[in-house]
Amino acid sequence: MENKTSINHENGNDANRLLAAAAIWWERLTPLKKELFESKYGKIDNQKINDIYKMHTDWSNEDLEQVSSCR
């Protein structure tokens, strides 16, 4: 019997991958770039890191769909 993953579960996994990628991206930024983003966007929290990451990278829904289909 084939194990089917629900769409909601897959979407949750995709969101977790995006959050992980955003966290790694943020950690690799230089202190100067972090300071620049903080001056531009205010206090930085996890949600804001995720939003900034999406704005400043080529991440898109099309990319997310391609990653999801690579299983």
Protein backbone atom coordinates (compact mmCIF):
# COMPACT_ATOMS: atom_id res chain seq x y z
CA MET A 1 0.00 0.00 0.00
CA GLU A 2 1.40 3.38 -1.02
CA ASN A 3 1.88 5.97 1.72
CA LYS A 4 0.21 9.23 0.66
CA THR A 5 1.26 12.51 2.27
CA SER A 6 -1.50 15.06 2.59
CA ILE A 7 -1.24 18.38 0.73
CA ASN A 8 -1.37 20.24 4.06
CA HIS A 9 1.51 18.18 5.39
CA GLU A 10 3.58 18.85 2.26
CA ASN A 11 2.82 22.58 2.46
CA GLY A 12 3.97 22.54 6.08
CA ASN A 13 7.20 20.84 5.05
CA ASP A 14 7.73 23.44 2.32
CA ALA A 15 7.17 26.26 4.81
CA ASN A 16 9.66 24.66 7.21
CA ARG A 17 12.25 24.41 4.43
CA LEU A 18 11.74 28.09 3.65
CA LEU A 19 12.13 29.06 7.32
CA ALA A 20 15.29 26.96 7.60
CA ALA A 21 16.75 28.50 4.45
CA ALA A 22 15.93 32.00 5.71
CA ALA A 23 17.55 31.31 9.09
CA ILE A 24 20.74 30.02 7.46
CA TRP A 25 20.79 33.00 5.08
CA TRP A 26 20.44 35.41 8.02
CA GLU A 27 23.20 33.71 10.03
CA ARG A 28 25.60 33.97 7.07
CA LEU A 29 25.06 37.71 6.56
CA THR A 30 27.83 40.00 7.68
CA PRO A 31 27.14 42.18 10.73
CA LEU A 32 27.11 45.22 8.45
CA LYS A 33 24.38 43.74 6.23
CA LYS A 34 22.36 42.73 9.29
CA GLU A 35 22.66 46.30 10.57
CA LEU A 36 21.50 47.60 7.18
CA PHE A 37 18.40 45.38 7.22
CA GLU A 38 17.67 46.34 10.84
CA SER A 39 17.88 50.03 9.98
CA LYS A 40 15.59 49.49 6.99
CA TYR A 41 13.02 47.09 8.53
CA GLY A 42 13.23 47.74 12.29
CA LYS A 43 13.51 45.05 14.94
CA ILE A 44 14.22 41.73 13.27
CA ASP A 45 12.35 38.61 14.40
CA ASN A 46 11.97 35.20 12.75
CA GLN A 47 8.96 36.23 10.67
CA LYS A 48 10.71 39.36 9.46
CA ILE A 49 13.82 37.30 8.55
CA ASN A 50 11.59 35.05 6.47
CA ASP A 51 9.94 38.04 4.74
CA ILE A 52 13.27 39.77 4.06
CA TYR A 53 14.74 36.53 2.73
CA LYS A 54 11.89 36.14 0.25
CA MET A 55 12.26 39.76 -0.88
CA HIS A 56 16.04 39.59 -1.35
CA THR A 57 16.45 36.15 -2.92
CA ASP A 58 15.03 34.45 -5.99
CA TRP A 59 12.72 32.30 -3.87
CA SER A 60 9.30 31.96 -5.49
CA ASN A 61 6.32 29.64 -5.44
CA GLU A 62 7.56 28.09 -8.68
CA ASP A 63 10.83 27.17 -6.98
CA LEU A 64 8.92 25.76 -4.02
CA GLU A 65 6.84 23.58 -6.34
CA GLN A 66 10.00 22.29 -8.06
CA VAL A 67 11.58 21.40 -4.72
CA SER A 68 8.39 19.64 -3.61
CA SER A 69 8.27 17.55 -6.76
CA CYS A 70 11.85 16.29 -6.42
CA ARG A 71 10.96 13.40 -4.11
